[in-house]
Amino acid sequence: MANDQQSLDADLGEKIKLGQETAEYLWHVPDDAETREKLKVLIEEIKELSAKKGRTEMPRLCDELLEALQSEPTQQQVDLMHDGFSRLHKLWGAAKTGLL
């Protein structure tokens, strides 16, 4: 059971890191539809994994990111995505260390 939880943690961290990198790419090419679709799938996976871990704040943040992703691809919208992934990473790190 503990090994499954560690595996979920590692997978969640990996997806968050990939999401951060993808959001960073969108900073340069905000209207890349294919990358935006990949990011949507990643956010949905992060939402599902974090819910399995019993997190309530991360799925809510994922909902906010999914909503932002539906708006026009602007630098402001990409900034929101980048900030959201930074927040997800901080929440993930805090949960891993037992602070949450």
PDB file of N, CA and C in Angstrom:
ATOM      1  N   MET A   1       0.823  -1.202   0.000  1.00  0.00           N
ATOM      2  CA  MET A   1       0.000   0.000   0.000  1.00  0.00           C
ATOM      3  C   MET A   1       0.865   1.263   0.000  1.00  0.00           C
ATOM      4  N   ALA A   2       1.874   1.298   0.887  1.00  0.00           N
ATOM      5  CA  ALA A   2       2.751   2.464   0.951  1.00  0.00           C
ATOM      6  C   ALA A   2       3.510   2.621  -0.361  1.00  0.00           C
ATOM      7  N   ASN A   3       3.886   1.502  -0.974  1.00  0.00           N
ATOM      8  CA  ASN A   3       4.592   1.556  -2.245  1.00  0.00           C
ATOM      9  C   ASN A   3       3.702   2.138  -3.341  1.00  0.00           C
ATOM     10  N   ASP A   4       2.402   1.794  -3.313  1.00  0.00           N
ATOM     11  CA  ASP A   4       1.447   2.358  -4.263  1.00  0.00           C
ATOM     12  C   ASP A   4       1.331   3.869  -4.079  1.00  0.00           C
ATOM     13  N   GLN A   5       1.317   4.315  -2.833  1.00  0.00           N
ATOM     14  CA  GLN A   5       1.223   5.744  -2.537  1.00  0.00           C
ATOM     15  C   GLN A   5       2.479   6.474  -3.019  1.00  0.00           C
ATOM     16  N   GLN A   6       3.644   5.846  -2.832  1.00  0.00           N
ATOM     17  CA  GLN A   6       4.892   6.450  -3.304  1.00  0.00           C
ATOM     18  C   GLN A   6       4.894   6.535  -4.824  1.00  0.00           C
ATOM     19  N   SER A   7       4.360   5.509  -5.465  1.00  0.00           N
ATOM     20  CA  SER A   7       4.277   5.497  -6.923  1.00  0.00           C
ATOM     21  C   SER A   7       3.340   6.606  -7.412  1.00  0.00           C
ATOM     22  N   LEU A   8       2.203   6.774  -6.722  1.00  0.00           N
ATOM     23  CA  LEU A   8       1.277   7.857  -7.068  1.00  0.00           C
ATOM     24  C   LEU A   8       1.944   9.216  -6.892  1.00  0.00           C
ATOM     25  N   ASP A   9       2.692   9.369  -5.791  1.00  0.00           N
ATOM     26  CA  ASP A   9       3.409  10.623  -5.538  1.00  0.00           C
ATOM     27  C   ASP A   9       4.404  10.926  -6.646  1.00  0.00           C
ATOM     28  N   ALA A  10       5.176   9.914  -7.032  1.00  0.00           N
ATOM     29  CA  ALA A  10       6.187  10.105  -8.072  1.00  0.00           C
ATOM     30  C   ALA A  10       5.526  10.445  -9.402  1.00  0.00           C
ATOM     31  N   ASP A  11       4.458   9.740  -9.738  1.00  0.00           N
ATOM     32  CA  ASP A  11       3.743   9.991 -10.993  1.00  0.00           C
ATOM     33  C   ASP A  11       3.142  11.398 -10.991  1.00  0.00           C
ATOM     34  N   LEU A  12       2.571  11.788  -9.868  1.00  0.00           N
ATOM     35  CA  LEU A  12       1.981  13.117  -9.739  1.00  0.00           C
ATOM     36  C   LEU A  12       3.061  14.197  -9.910  1.00  0.00           C
ATOM     37  N   GLY A  13       4.188  14.015  -9.255  1.00  0.00           N
ATOM     38  CA  GLY A  13       5.283  14.973  -9.374  1.00  0.00           C
ATOM     39  C   GLY A  13       5.804  15.079 -10.796  1.00  0.00           C
ATOM     40  N   GLU A  14       5.906  13.938 -11.458  1.00  0.00           N
ATOM     41  CA  GLU A  14       6.372  13.920 -12.845  1.00  0.00           C
ATOM     42  C   GLU A  14       5.413  14.675 -13.763  1.00  0.00           C
ATOM     43  N   LYS A  15       4.124  14.463 -13.571  1.00  0.00           N
ATOM     44  CA  LYS A  15       3.119  15.134 -14.403  1.00  0.00           C
ATOM     45  C   LYS A  15       3.095  16.641 -14.133  1.00  0.00           C
ATOM     46  N   ILE A  16       3.262  17.033 -12.898  1.00  0.00           N
ATOM     47  CA  ILE A  16       3.307  18.451 -12.563  1.00  0.00           C
ATOM     48  C   ILE A  16       4.524  19.104 -13.221  1.00  0.00           C
ATOM     49  N   LYS A  17       5.671  18.436 -13.159  1.00  0.00           N
ATOM     50  CA  LYS A  17       6.880  18.974 -13.796  1.00  0.00           C
ATOM     51  C   LYS A  17       6.679  19.101 -15.300  1.00  0.00           C
ATOM     52  N   LEU A  18       6.096  18.086 -15.920  1.00  0.00           N
ATOM     53  CA  LEU A  18       5.834  18.145 -17.358  1.00  0.00           C
ATOM     54  C   LEU A  18       4.852  19.270 -17.679  1.00  0.00           C
ATOM     55  N   GLY A  19       3.854  19.461 -16.822  1.00  0.00           N
ATOM     56  CA  GLY A  19       2.908  20.556 -17.003  1.00  0.00           C
ATOM     57  C   GLY A  19       3.584  21.910 -16.919  1.00  0.00           C
ATOM     58  N   GLN A  20       4.520  22.044 -15.972  1.00  0.00           N
ATOM     59  CA  GLN A  20       5.270  23.301 -15.856  1.00  0.00           C
ATOM     60  C   GLN A  20       6.054  23.576 -17.133  1.00  0.00           C
ATOM     61  N   GLU A  21       6.713  22.541 -17.646  1.00  0.00           N
ATOM     62  CA  GLU A  21       7.508  22.699 -18.869  1.00  0.00           C
ATOM     63  C   GLU A  21       6.614  23.046 -20.062  1.00  0.00           C
ATOM     64  N   THR A  22       5.448  22.428 -20.126  1.00  0.00           N
ATOM     65  CA  THR A  22       4.520  22.693 -21.222  1.00  0.00           C
ATOM     66  C   THR A  22       3.982  24.116 -21.136  1.00  0.00           C
ATOM     67  N   ALA A  23       3.649  24.555 -19.926  1.00  0.00           N
ATOM     68  CA  ALA A  23       3.179  25.935 -19.738  1.00  0.00           C
ATOM     69  C   ALA A  23       4.280  26.921 -20.112  1.00  0.00           C
ATOM     70  N   GLU A  24       5.518  26.573 -19.810  1.00  0.00           N
ATOM     71  CA  GLU A  24       6.649  27.423 -20.178  1.00  0.00           C
ATOM     72  C   GLU A  24       6.766  27.516 -21.701  1.00  0.00           C
ATOM     73  N   TYR A  25       6.568  26.406 -22.384  1.00  0.00           N
ATOM     74  CA  TYR A  25       6.606  26.411 -23.854  1.00  0.00           C
ATOM     75  C   TYR A  25       5.493  27.317 -24.405  1.00  0.00           C
ATOM     76  N   LEU A  26       4.303  27.218 -23.799  1.00  0.00           N
ATOM     77  CA  LEU A  26       3.182  28.032 -24.261  1.00  0.00           C
ATOM     78  C   LEU A  26       3.442  29.523 -24.060  1.00  0.00           C
ATOM     79  N   TRP A  27       4.355  29.850 -23.179  1.00  0.00           N
ATOM     80  CA  TRP A  27       4.721  31.250 -22.989  1.00  0.00           C
ATOM     81  C   TRP A  27       5.246  31.824 -24.306  1.00  0.00           C
ATOM     82  N   HIS A  28       5.950  30.990 -25.053  1.00  0.00           N
ATOM     83  CA  HIS A  28       6.537  31.416 -26.321  1.00  0.00           C
ATOM     84  C   HIS A  28       5.590  31.247 -27.506  1.00  0.00           C
ATOM     85  N   VAL A  29       4.705  30.245 -27.426  1.00  0.00           N
ATOM     86  CA  VAL A  29       3.779  29.945 -28.522  1.00  0.00           C
ATOM     87  C   VAL A  29       2.382  29.709 -27.919  1.00  0.00           C
ATOM     88  N   PRO A  30       1.716  30.769 -27.443  1.00  0.00           N
ATOM     89  CA  PRO A  30       0.463  30.603 -26.699  1.00  0.00           C
ATOM     90  C   PRO A  30      -0.690  30.002 -27.504  1.00  0.00           C
ATOM     91  N   ASP A  31      -0.644  30.086 -28.822  1.00  0.00           N
ATOM     92  CA  ASP A  31      -1.783  29.580 -29.593  1.00  0.00           C
ATOM     93  C   ASP A  31      -1.530  28.208 -30.226  1.00  0.00           C
ATOM     94  N   ASP A  32      -0.557  27.463 -29.714  1.00  0.00           N
ATOM     95  CA  ASP A  32      -0.272  26.116 -30.214  1.00  0.00           C
ATOM     96  C   ASP A  32      -1.373  25.166 -29.723  1.00  0.00           C
ATOM     97  N   ALA A  33      -2.336  24.888 -30.589  1.00  0.00           N
ATOM     98  CA  ALA A  33      -3.524  24.098 -30.217  1.00  0.00           C
ATOM     99  C   ALA A  33      -3.167  22.681 -29.775  1.00  0.00           C
ATOM    100  N   GLU A  34      -2.220  22.057 -30.437  1.00  0.00           N
ATOM    101  CA  GLU A  34      -1.836  20.682 -30.086  1.00  0.00           C
ATOM    102  C   GLU A  34      -1.235  20.622 -28.681  1.00  0.00           C
ATOM    103  N   THR A  35      -0.369  21.565 -28.366  1.00  0.00           N
ATOM    104  CA  THR A  35       0.248  21.602 -27.043  1.00  0.00           C
ATOM    105  C   THR A  35      -0.790  21.939 -25.981  1.00  0.00           C
ATOM    106  N   ARG A  36      -1.707  22.815 -26.306  1.00  0.00           N
ATOM    107  CA  ARG A  36      -2.773  23.159 -25.364  1.00  0.00           C
ATOM    108  C   ARG A  36      -3.639  21.930 -25.056  1.00  0.00           C
ATOM    109  N   GLU A  37      -3.894  21.099 -26.061  1.00  0.00           N
ATOM    110  CA  GLU A  37      -4.670  19.872 -25.847  1.00  0.00           C
ATOM    111  C   GLU A  37      -3.892  18.897 -24.963  1.00  0.00           C
ATOM    112  N   LYS A  38      -2.594  18.777 -25.193  1.00  0.00           N
ATOM    113  CA  LYS A  38      -1.750  17.914 -24.351  1.00  0.00           C
ATOM    114  C   LYS A  38      -1.770  18.407 -22.911  1.00  0.00           C
ATOM    115  N   LEU A  39      -1.727  19.726 -22.743  1.00  0.00           N
ATOM    116  CA  LEU A  39      -1.757  20.300 -21.400  1.00  0.00           C
ATOM    117  C   LEU A  39      -3.095  20.006 -20.722  1.00  0.00           C
ATOM    118  N   LYS A  40      -4.166  20.051 -21.477  1.00  0.00           N
ATOM    119  CA  LYS A  40      -5.489  19.736 -20.925  1.00  0.00           C
ATOM    120  C   LYS A  40      -5.512  18.307 -20.390  1.00  0.00           C
ATOM    121  N   VAL A  41      -4.981  17.371 -21.160  1.00  0.00           N
ATOM    122  CA  VAL A  41      -4.929  15.967 -20.734  1.00  0.00           C
ATOM    123  C   VAL A  41      -4.080  15.829 -19.473  1.00  0.00           C
ATOM    124  N   LEU A  42      -2.945  16.518 -19.439  1.00  0.00           N
ATOM    125  CA  LEU A  42      -2.072  16.478 -18.262  1.00  0.00           C
ATOM    126  C   LEU A  42      -2.784  17.003 -17.022  1.00  0.00           C
ATOM    127  N   ILE A  43      -3.473  18.113 -17.164  1.00  0.00           N
ATOM    128  CA  ILE A  43      -4.185  18.695 -16.018  1.00  0.00           C
ATOM    129  C   ILE A  43      -5.260  17.726 -15.523  1.00  0.00           C
ATOM    130  N   GLU A  44      -5.976  17.088 -16.434  1.00  0.00           N
ATOM    131  CA  GLU A  44      -6.999  16.117 -16.035  1.00  0.00           C
ATOM    132  C   GLU A  44      -6.366  14.934 -15.304  1.00  0.00           C
ATOM    133  N   GLU A  45      -5.203  14.484 -15.752  1.00  0.00           N
ATOM    134  CA  GLU A  45      -4.500  13.388 -15.081  1.00  0.00           C
ATOM    135  C   GLU A  45      -4.027  13.814 -13.696  1.00  0.00           C
ATOM    136  N   ILE A  46      -3.511  15.035 -13.580  1.00  0.00           N
ATOM    137  CA  ILE A  46      -3.072  15.548 -12.281  1.00  0.00           C
ATOM    138  C   ILE A  46      -4.262  15.640 -11.330  1.00  0.00           C
ATOM    139  N   LYS A  47      -5.379  16.096 -11.848  1.00  0.00           N
ATOM    140  CA  LYS A  47      -6.593  16.199 -11.032  1.00  0.00           C
ATOM    141  C   LYS A  47      -7.003  14.823 -10.504  1.00  0.00           C
ATOM    142  N   GLU A  48      -6.993  13.839 -11.378  1.00  0.00           N
ATOM    143  CA  GLU A  48      -7.379  12.484 -10.985  1.00  0.00           C
ATOM    144  C   GLU A  48      -6.404  11.895  -9.964  1.00  0.00           C
ATOM    145  N   LEU A  49      -5.118  12.019 -10.220  1.00  0.00           N
ATOM    146  CA  LEU A  49      -4.114  11.477  -9.295  1.00  0.00           C
ATOM    147  C   LEU A  49      -4.171  12.165  -7.940  1.00  0.00           C
ATOM    148  N   SER A  50      -4.310  13.479  -7.938  1.00  0.00           N
ATOM    149  CA  SER A  50      -4.338  14.190  -6.665  1.00  0.00           C
ATOM    150  C   SER A  50      -5.599  13.848  -5.873  1.00  0.00           C
ATOM    151  N   ALA A  51      -6.700  13.603  -6.560  1.00  0.00           N
ATOM    152  CA  ALA A  51      -7.929  13.189  -5.873  1.00  0.00           C
ATOM    153  C   ALA A  51      -7.731  11.802  -5.244  1.00  0.00           C
ATOM    154  N   LYS A  52      -7.037  10.918  -5.959  1.00  0.00           N
ATOM    155  CA  LYS A  52      -6.752   9.581  -5.409  1.00  0.00           C
ATOM    156  C   LYS A  52      -5.894   9.675  -4.157  1.00  0.00           C
ATOM    157  N   LYS A  53      -5.044  10.708  -4.099  1.00  0.00           N
ATOM    158  CA  LYS A  53      -4.190  10.913  -2.927  1.00  0.00           C
ATOM    159  C   LYS A  53      -4.952  11.580  -1.784  1.00  0.00           C
ATOM    160  N   GLY A  54      -6.210  11.926  -2.029  1.00  0.00           N
ATOM    161  CA  GLY A  54      -7.015  12.540  -0.987  1.00  0.00           C
ATOM    162  C   GLY A  54      -6.832  14.042  -0.873  1.00  0.00           C
ATOM    163  N   ARG A  55      -6.205  14.634  -1.849  1.00  0.00           N
ATOM    164  CA  ARG A  55      -6.006  16.085  -1.859  1.00  0.00           C
ATOM    165  C   ARG A  55      -7.281  16.763  -2.334  1.00  0.00           C
ATOM    166  N   THR A  56      -7.641  17.843  -1.704  1.00  0.00           N
ATOM    167  CA  THR A  56      -8.826  18.583  -2.137  1.00  0.00           C
ATOM    168  C   THR A  56      -8.451  19.883  -2.836  1.00  0.00           C
ATOM    169  N   GLU A  57      -7.314  20.466  -2.431  1.00  0.00           N
ATOM    170  CA  GLU A  57      -6.917  21.745  -3.005  1.00  0.00           C
ATOM    171  C   GLU A  57      -6.369  21.595  -4.422  1.00  0.00           C
ATOM    172  N   MET A  58      -5.673  20.511  -4.701  1.00  0.00           N
ATOM    173  CA  MET A  58      -5.081  20.325  -6.026  1.00  0.00           C
ATOM    174  C   MET A  58      -6.143  20.113  -7.113  1.00  0.00           C
ATOM    175  N   PRO A  59      -7.158  19.282  -6.886  1.00  0.00           N
ATOM    176  CA  PRO A  59      -8.202  19.157  -7.913  1.00  0.00           C
ATOM    177  C   PRO A  59      -8.935  20.475  -8.181  1.00  0.00           C
ATOM    178  N   ARG A  60      -9.147  21.275  -7.136  1.00  0.00           N
ATOM    179  CA  ARG A  60      -9.785  22.591  -7.336  1.00  0.00           C
ATOM    180  C   ARG A  60      -8.902  23.485  -8.196  1.00  0.00           C
ATOM    181  N   LEU A  61      -7.624  23.476  -7.935  1.00  0.00           N
ATOM    182  CA  LEU A  61      -6.684  24.265  -8.730  1.00  0.00           C
ATOM    183  C   LEU A  61      -6.663  23.759 -10.176  1.00  0.00           C
ATOM    184  N   CYS A  62      -6.744  22.450 -10.350  1.00  0.00           N
ATOM    185  CA  CYS A  62      -6.805  21.879 -11.703  1.00  0.00           C
ATOM    186  C   CYS A  62      -8.061  22.360 -12.432  1.00  0.00           C
ATOM    187  N   ASP A  63      -9.170  22.443 -11.719  1.00  0.00           N
ATOM    188  CA  ASP A  63     -10.398  22.972 -12.335  1.00  0.00           C
ATOM    189  C   ASP A  63     -10.190  24.406 -12.812  1.00  0.00           C
ATOM    190  N   GLU A  64      -9.505  25.207 -11.996  1.00  0.00           N
ATOM    191  CA  GLU A  64      -9.217  26.585 -12.387  1.00  0.00           C
ATOM    192  C   GLU A  64      -8.327  26.624 -13.632  1.00  0.00           C
ATOM    193  N   LEU A  65      -7.338  25.739 -13.673  1.00  0.00           N
ATOM    194  CA  LEU A  65      -6.441  25.692 -14.828  1.00  0.00           C
ATOM    195  C   LEU A  65      -7.183  25.251 -16.088  1.00  0.00           C
ATOM    196  N   LEU A  66      -8.068  24.269 -15.943  1.00  0.00           N
ATOM    197  CA  LEU A  66      -8.848  23.818 -17.098  1.00  0.00           C
ATOM    198  C   LEU A  66      -9.742  24.936 -17.618  1.00  0.00           C
ATOM    199  N   GLU A  67     -10.314  25.697 -16.702  1.00  0.00           N
ATOM    200  CA  GLU A  67     -11.154  26.828 -17.102  1.00  0.00           C
ATOM    201  C   GLU A  67     -10.314  27.888 -17.826  1.00  0.00           C
ATOM    202  N   ALA A  68      -9.149  28.183 -17.285  1.00  0.00           N
ATOM    203  CA  ALA A  68      -8.266  29.172 -17.918  1.00  0.00           C
ATOM    204  C   ALA A  68      -7.817  28.701 -19.297  1.00  0.00           C
ATOM    205  N   LEU A  69      -7.612  27.409 -19.430  1.00  0.00           N
ATOM    206  CA  LEU A  69      -7.154  26.859 -20.705  1.00  0.00           C
ATOM    207  C   LEU A  69      -8.194  27.016 -21.807  1.00  0.00           C
ATOM    208  N   GLN A  70      -9.449  27.142 -21.432  1.00  0.00           N
ATOM    209  CA  GLN A  70     -10.524  27.296 -22.414  1.00  0.00           C
ATOM    210  C   GLN A  70     -10.631  28.713 -22.964  1.00  0.00           C
ATOM    211  N   SER A  71      -9.994  29.660 -22.289  1.00  0.00           N
ATOM    212  CA  SER A  71     -10.089  31.044 -22.758  1.00  0.00           C
ATOM    213  C   SER A  71      -9.109  31.284 -23.911  1.00  0.00           C
ATOM    214  N   GLU A  72      -9.187  32.470 -24.476  1.00  0.00           N
ATOM    215  CA  GLU A  72      -8.312  32.843 -25.592  1.00  0.00           C
ATOM    216  C   GLU A  72      -6.842  32.684 -25.201  1.00  0.00           C
ATOM    217  N   PRO A  73      -6.033  32.162 -26.105  1.00  0.00           N
ATOM    218  CA  PRO A  73      -4.605  32.009 -25.798  1.00  0.00           C
ATOM    219  C   PRO A  73      -3.874  33.357 -25.832  1.00  0.00           C
ATOM    220  N   THR A  74      -3.734  33.939 -24.661  1.00  0.00           N
ATOM    221  CA  THR A  74      -3.033  35.210 -24.522  1.00  0.00           C
ATOM    222  C   THR A  74      -1.861  35.026 -23.560  1.00  0.00           C
ATOM    223  N   GLN A  75      -0.989  35.995 -23.525  1.00  0.00           N
ATOM    224  CA  GLN A  75       0.128  35.929 -22.580  1.00  0.00           C
ATOM    225  C   GLN A  75      -0.380  35.919 -21.138  1.00  0.00           C
ATOM    226  N   GLN A  76      -1.439  36.660 -20.868  1.00  0.00           N
ATOM    227  CA  GLN A  76      -2.010  36.682 -19.520  1.00  0.00           C
ATOM    228  C   GLN A  76      -2.529  35.304 -19.136  1.00  0.00           C
ATOM    229  N   GLN A  77      -3.207  34.650 -20.065  1.00  0.00           N
ATOM    230  CA  GLN A  77      -3.737  33.317 -19.800  1.00  0.00           C
ATOM    231  C   GLN A  77      -2.598  32.327 -19.563  1.00  0.00           C
ATOM    232  N   VAL A  78      -1.538  32.436 -20.353  1.00  0.00           N
ATOM    233  CA  VAL A  78      -0.384  31.557 -20.185  1.00  0.00           C
ATOM    234  C   VAL A  78       0.301  31.843 -18.851  1.00  0.00           C
ATOM    235  N   ASP A  79       0.331  33.097 -18.445  1.00  0.00           N
ATOM    236  CA  ASP A  79       0.881  33.472 -17.145  1.00  0.00           C
ATOM    237  C   ASP A  79       0.104  32.790 -16.021  1.00  0.00           C
ATOM    238  N   LEU A  80      -1.224  32.771 -16.145  1.00  0.00           N
ATOM    239  CA  LEU A  80      -2.063  32.085 -15.161  1.00  0.00           C
ATOM    240  C   LEU A  80      -1.733  30.597 -15.101  1.00  0.00           C
ATOM    241  N   MET A  81      -1.500  29.990 -16.270  1.00  0.00           N
ATOM    242  CA  MET A  81      -1.164  28.565 -16.322  1.00  0.00           C
ATOM    243  C   MET A  81       0.172  28.312 -15.621  1.00  0.00           C
ATOM    244  N   HIS A  82       1.136  29.143 -15.919  1.00  0.00           N
ATOM    245  CA  HIS A  82       2.462  28.990 -15.331  1.00  0.00           C
ATOM    246  C   HIS A  82       2.386  29.130 -13.811  1.00  0.00           C
ATOM    247  N   ASP A  83       1.671  30.143 -13.346  1.00  0.00           N
ATOM    248  CA  ASP A  83       1.500  30.357 -11.910  1.00  0.00           C
ATOM    249  C   ASP A  83       0.767  29.179 -11.263  1.00  0.00           C
ATOM    250  N   GLY A  84      -0.249  28.664 -11.947  1.00  0.00           N
ATOM    251  CA  GLY A  84      -1.005  27.528 -11.416  1.00  0.00           C
ATOM    252  C   GLY A  84      -0.142  26.295 -11.232  1.00  0.00           C
ATOM    253  N   PHE A  85       0.735  26.035 -12.194  1.00  0.00           N
ATOM    254  CA  PHE A  85       1.620  24.874 -12.058  1.00  0.00           C
ATOM    255  C   PHE A  85       2.653  25.087 -10.964  1.00  0.00           C
ATOM    256  N   SER A  86       3.079  26.309 -10.755  1.00  0.00           N
ATOM    257  CA  SER A  86       3.984  26.597  -9.641  1.00  0.00           C
ATOM    258  C   SER A  86       3.279  26.302  -8.315  1.00  0.00           C
ATOM    259  N   ARG A  87       2.027  26.696  -8.229  1.00  0.00           N
ATOM    260  CA  ARG A  87       1.239  26.425  -7.015  1.00  0.00           C
ATOM    261  C   ARG A  87       1.039  24.919  -6.826  1.00  0.00           C
ATOM    262  N   LEU A  88       0.743  24.200  -7.917  1.00  0.00           N
ATOM    263  CA  LEU A  88       0.599  22.745  -7.816  1.00  0.00           C
ATOM    264  C   LEU A  88       1.888  22.110  -7.312  1.00  0.00           C
ATOM    265  N   HIS A  89       3.011  22.572  -7.822  1.00  0.00           N
ATOM    266  CA  HIS A  89       4.298  22.014  -7.412  1.00  0.00           C
ATOM    267  C   HIS A  89       4.542  22.254  -5.923  1.00  0.00           C
ATOM    268  N   LYS A  90       4.231  23.455  -5.452  1.00  0.00           N
ATOM    269  CA  LYS A  90       4.400  23.763  -4.026  1.00  0.00           C
ATOM    270  C   LYS A  90       3.486  22.896  -3.163  1.00  0.00           C
ATOM    271  N   LEU A  91       2.241  22.730  -3.595  1.00  0.00           N
ATOM    272  CA  LEU A  91       1.304  21.886  -2.840  1.00  0.00           C
ATOM    273  C   LEU A  91       1.781  20.441  -2.819  1.00  0.00           C
ATOM    274  N   TRP A  92       2.269  19.958  -3.946  1.00  0.00           N
ATOM    275  CA  TRP A  92       2.775  18.590  -4.034  1.00  0.00           C
ATOM    276  C   TRP A  92       3.970  18.405  -3.095  1.00  0.00           C
ATOM    277  N   GLY A  93       4.890  19.374  -3.116  1.00  0.00           N
ATOM    278  CA  GLY A  93       6.063  19.292  -2.245  1.00  0.00           C
ATOM    279  C   GLY A  93       5.680  19.321  -0.770  1.00  0.00           C
ATOM    280  N   ALA A  94       4.738  20.185  -0.429  1.00  0.00           N
ATOM    281  CA  ALA A  94       4.293  20.272   0.965  1.00  0.00           C
ATOM    282  C   ALA A  94       3.616  18.971   1.412  1.00  0.00           C
ATOM    283  N   ALA A  95       2.825  18.388   0.524  1.00  0.00           N
ATOM    284  CA  ALA A  95       2.146  17.130   0.844  1.00  0.00           C
ATOM    285  C   ALA A  95       3.157  16.001   1.001  1.00  0.00           C
ATOM    286  N   LYS A  96       4.179  16.000   0.174  1.00  0.00           N
ATOM    287  CA  LYS A  96       5.211  14.960   0.249  1.00  0.00           C
ATOM    288  C   LYS A  96       5.973  15.018   1.570  1.00  0.00           C
ATOM    289  N   THR A  97       6.197  16.214   2.068  1.00  0.00           N
ATOM    290  CA  THR A  97       6.953  16.355   3.318  1.00  0.00           C
ATOM    291  C   THR A  97       6.055  16.237   4.544  1.00  0.00           C
ATOM    292  N   GLY A  98       4.751  16.110   4.321  1.00  0.00           N
ATOM    293  CA  GLY A  98       3.830  15.950   5.437  1.00  0.00           C
ATOM    294  C   GLY A  98       3.320  17.261   5.998  1.00  0.00           C
ATOM    295  N   LEU A  99       3.615  18.357   5.353  1.00  0.00           N
ATOM    296  CA  LEU A  99       3.129  19.646   5.835  1.00  0.00           C
ATOM    297  C   LEU A  99       1.648  19.837   5.593  1.00  0.00           C
ATOM    298  N   LEU A 100       1.092  19.106   4.615  1.00  0.00           N
ATOM    299  CA  LEU A 100      -0.349  19.175   4.342  1.00  0.00           C
ATOM    300  C   LEU A 100      -0.995  17.864   4.649  1.00  0.00           C
TER     301      LEU A 100
END
